[in-house]
N, C-alpha and C. Protein backbone atom coordinates (compact mmCIF):
# COMPACT_ATOMS: atom_id res chain seq x y z
N MET A 1 48.36 -26.10 -33.05
CA MET A 1 48.02 -25.41 -34.27
C MET A 1 49.28 -24.77 -34.84
N SER A 2 49.51 -24.97 -36.12
CA SER A 2 50.70 -24.40 -36.74
C SER A 2 50.46 -22.92 -37.08
N ALA A 3 51.56 -22.21 -37.21
CA ALA A 3 51.48 -20.78 -37.53
C ALA A 3 51.17 -20.60 -39.01
N LYS A 4 50.47 -19.52 -39.32
CA LYS A 4 50.18 -19.20 -40.72
C LYS A 4 51.45 -18.68 -41.37
N ASP A 5 51.68 -19.06 -42.63
CA ASP A 5 52.89 -18.60 -43.30
C ASP A 5 52.70 -17.16 -43.80
N VAL A 6 53.76 -16.60 -44.36
CA VAL A 6 53.75 -15.19 -44.76
C VAL A 6 52.79 -14.92 -45.91
N PHE A 7 52.37 -15.94 -46.64
CA PHE A 7 51.48 -15.75 -47.79
C PHE A 7 50.01 -15.87 -47.44
N HIS A 8 49.69 -16.31 -46.24
CA HIS A 8 48.30 -16.59 -45.87
C HIS A 8 47.37 -15.40 -46.12
N ASN A 9 47.69 -14.26 -45.53
CA ASN A 9 46.82 -13.08 -45.67
C ASN A 9 46.80 -12.56 -47.10
N THR A 10 47.93 -12.65 -47.80
CA THR A 10 47.99 -12.20 -49.19
C THR A 10 47.06 -13.04 -50.05
N VAL A 11 47.09 -14.35 -49.88
CA VAL A 11 46.22 -15.23 -50.65
C VAL A 11 44.76 -14.98 -50.28
N LYS A 12 44.48 -14.83 -49.01
CA LYS A 12 43.11 -14.58 -48.56
C LYS A 12 42.55 -13.29 -49.17
N ILE A 13 43.32 -12.24 -49.13
CA ILE A 13 42.89 -10.95 -49.69
C ILE A 13 42.68 -11.06 -51.20
N ALA A 14 43.60 -11.75 -51.89
CA ALA A 14 43.47 -11.91 -53.34
C ALA A 14 42.20 -12.69 -53.70
N LEU A 15 41.90 -13.73 -52.95
CA LEU A 15 40.67 -14.50 -53.20
C LEU A 15 39.44 -13.63 -52.99
N GLU A 16 39.42 -12.86 -51.91
CA GLU A 16 38.28 -12.00 -51.62
C GLU A 16 38.10 -10.93 -52.70
N LYS A 17 39.19 -10.40 -53.24
CA LYS A 17 39.11 -9.40 -54.31
C LYS A 17 38.51 -9.99 -55.58
N GLU A 18 38.67 -11.29 -55.77
CA GLU A 18 38.11 -11.98 -56.93
C GLU A 18 36.73 -12.57 -56.63
N ASN A 19 36.08 -12.06 -55.57
CA ASN A 19 34.72 -12.45 -55.17
C ASN A 19 34.59 -13.88 -54.67
N TRP A 20 35.67 -14.43 -54.13
CA TRP A 20 35.59 -15.72 -53.46
C TRP A 20 35.14 -15.47 -52.03
N GLN A 21 34.35 -16.37 -51.50
CA GLN A 21 33.93 -16.27 -50.10
C GLN A 21 34.77 -17.26 -49.30
N ILE A 22 35.46 -16.75 -48.29
CA ILE A 22 36.27 -17.61 -47.42
C ILE A 22 35.30 -18.35 -46.50
N THR A 23 35.29 -19.66 -46.60
CA THR A 23 34.36 -20.47 -45.82
C THR A 23 35.00 -21.06 -44.56
N HIS A 24 36.30 -21.25 -44.59
CA HIS A 24 37.02 -21.82 -43.45
C HIS A 24 38.40 -21.18 -43.34
N ASP A 25 38.77 -20.77 -42.14
CA ASP A 25 40.09 -20.18 -41.90
C ASP A 25 40.51 -20.44 -40.47
N PRO A 26 41.07 -21.57 -40.15
CA PRO A 26 41.35 -22.76 -40.95
C PRO A 26 40.19 -23.76 -40.88
N LEU A 27 40.29 -24.81 -41.68
CA LEU A 27 39.37 -25.94 -41.62
C LEU A 27 40.10 -27.10 -40.97
N SER A 28 39.56 -27.60 -39.88
CA SER A 28 40.19 -28.72 -39.17
C SER A 28 39.17 -29.82 -38.96
N PHE A 29 39.61 -31.06 -39.12
CA PHE A 29 38.74 -32.20 -38.85
C PHE A 29 39.58 -33.44 -38.58
N GLU A 30 38.95 -34.46 -38.00
CA GLU A 30 39.62 -35.71 -37.69
C GLU A 30 39.16 -36.79 -38.64
N LEU A 31 40.11 -37.49 -39.27
CA LEU A 31 39.78 -38.65 -40.07
C LEU A 31 39.62 -39.87 -39.17
N THR A 32 40.55 -40.01 -38.22
CA THR A 32 40.51 -41.05 -37.21
C THR A 32 40.99 -40.42 -35.91
N GLU A 33 41.03 -41.20 -34.84
CA GLU A 33 41.55 -40.66 -33.57
C GLU A 33 42.98 -40.18 -33.71
N LYS A 34 43.76 -40.83 -34.55
CA LYS A 34 45.17 -40.50 -34.69
C LYS A 34 45.48 -39.57 -35.86
N VAL A 35 44.57 -39.44 -36.80
CA VAL A 35 44.81 -38.63 -37.99
C VAL A 35 43.93 -37.39 -37.97
N LYS A 36 44.59 -36.25 -37.79
CA LYS A 36 43.89 -34.97 -37.80
C LYS A 36 44.37 -34.16 -39.00
N VAL A 37 43.45 -33.48 -39.66
CA VAL A 37 43.77 -32.72 -40.87
C VAL A 37 43.48 -31.25 -40.61
N ARG A 38 44.40 -30.39 -41.05
CA ARG A 38 44.21 -28.94 -40.94
C ARG A 38 44.52 -28.32 -42.29
N ILE A 39 43.54 -27.64 -42.83
CA ILE A 39 43.68 -26.97 -44.12
C ILE A 39 43.63 -25.47 -43.86
N ASP A 40 44.57 -24.73 -44.46
CA ASP A 40 44.69 -23.30 -44.16
C ASP A 40 43.46 -22.49 -44.53
N LEU A 41 42.94 -22.65 -45.74
CA LEU A 41 41.79 -21.86 -46.19
C LEU A 41 40.83 -22.73 -46.98
N GLY A 42 39.56 -22.49 -46.78
CA GLY A 42 38.54 -23.05 -47.64
C GLY A 42 37.82 -21.88 -48.29
N ALA A 43 37.53 -21.98 -49.57
CA ALA A 43 36.88 -20.88 -50.28
C ALA A 43 35.91 -21.44 -51.30
N GLU A 44 34.88 -20.66 -51.59
CA GLU A 44 33.95 -21.04 -52.63
C GLU A 44 33.58 -19.82 -53.45
N LYS A 45 33.19 -20.07 -54.68
CA LYS A 45 32.78 -18.99 -55.57
C LYS A 45 31.54 -19.45 -56.32
N LEU A 46 30.50 -18.65 -56.27
CA LEU A 46 29.29 -18.96 -57.00
C LEU A 46 29.39 -18.37 -58.40
N ILE A 47 29.05 -19.17 -59.37
CA ILE A 47 29.06 -18.72 -60.75
C ILE A 47 27.60 -18.62 -61.19
N THR A 48 27.19 -17.44 -61.62
CA THR A 48 25.80 -17.24 -61.98
C THR A 48 25.65 -16.94 -63.46
N ALA A 49 24.46 -17.16 -63.93
CA ALA A 49 24.13 -16.84 -65.32
C ALA A 49 22.92 -15.91 -65.32
N GLU A 50 22.85 -15.06 -66.33
CA GLU A 50 21.74 -14.12 -66.42
C GLU A 50 21.18 -14.14 -67.83
N LYS A 51 19.85 -14.19 -67.91
CA LYS A 51 19.16 -14.13 -69.20
C LYS A 51 17.84 -13.41 -69.00
N ASP A 52 17.56 -12.44 -69.82
CA ASP A 52 16.33 -11.66 -69.71
C ASP A 52 16.12 -11.10 -68.31
N HIS A 53 17.17 -10.58 -67.75
CA HIS A 53 17.16 -9.97 -66.41
C HIS A 53 16.82 -10.97 -65.30
N LYS A 54 16.96 -12.24 -65.56
CA LYS A 54 16.75 -13.27 -64.53
C LYS A 54 18.09 -13.93 -64.25
N LYS A 55 18.41 -14.01 -62.98
CA LYS A 55 19.68 -14.63 -62.60
C LYS A 55 19.42 -16.04 -62.07
N SER A 56 20.34 -16.92 -62.35
CA SER A 56 20.28 -18.27 -61.79
C SER A 56 21.69 -18.71 -61.43
N ARG A 57 21.77 -19.51 -60.40
CA ARG A 57 23.06 -20.04 -59.99
C ARG A 57 23.39 -21.22 -60.88
N ALA A 58 24.49 -21.13 -61.58
CA ALA A 58 24.86 -22.17 -62.53
C ALA A 58 25.79 -23.22 -61.92
N SER A 59 26.66 -22.77 -61.06
CA SER A 59 27.66 -23.70 -60.54
C SER A 59 28.27 -23.15 -59.27
N ARG A 60 28.83 -24.02 -58.48
CA ARG A 60 29.55 -23.60 -57.28
C ARG A 60 30.90 -24.30 -57.30
N LYS A 61 31.94 -23.53 -57.10
CA LYS A 61 33.30 -24.08 -57.07
C LYS A 61 33.83 -23.99 -55.64
N ASP A 62 34.32 -25.09 -55.14
CA ASP A 62 34.90 -25.13 -53.79
C ASP A 62 36.37 -25.53 -53.92
N TYR A 63 37.22 -24.83 -53.16
CA TYR A 63 38.65 -25.15 -53.14
C TYR A 63 39.14 -25.09 -51.71
N TYR A 64 40.11 -25.92 -51.43
CA TYR A 64 40.76 -25.92 -50.13
C TYR A 64 42.24 -25.77 -50.36
N PHE A 65 42.84 -24.85 -49.62
CA PHE A 65 44.25 -24.50 -49.80
C PHE A 65 45.05 -25.00 -48.61
N LEU A 66 46.05 -25.82 -48.91
CA LEU A 66 46.90 -26.37 -47.85
C LEU A 66 48.00 -25.42 -47.49
């Protein structure tokens, strides 16, 4: 496992302040036996809409940070 760079926690905190939910820290998976992928952060943000005091989930944005 590689070490986190100096910006990792800064980026994570900034995302959380903007109401992003950190979903993976880190995200690791195998594409094949020989190819393994490691992504530093996974985050998602729900975008909601409100009308007449009723809320509904309009969209979900997912991002992965290398």
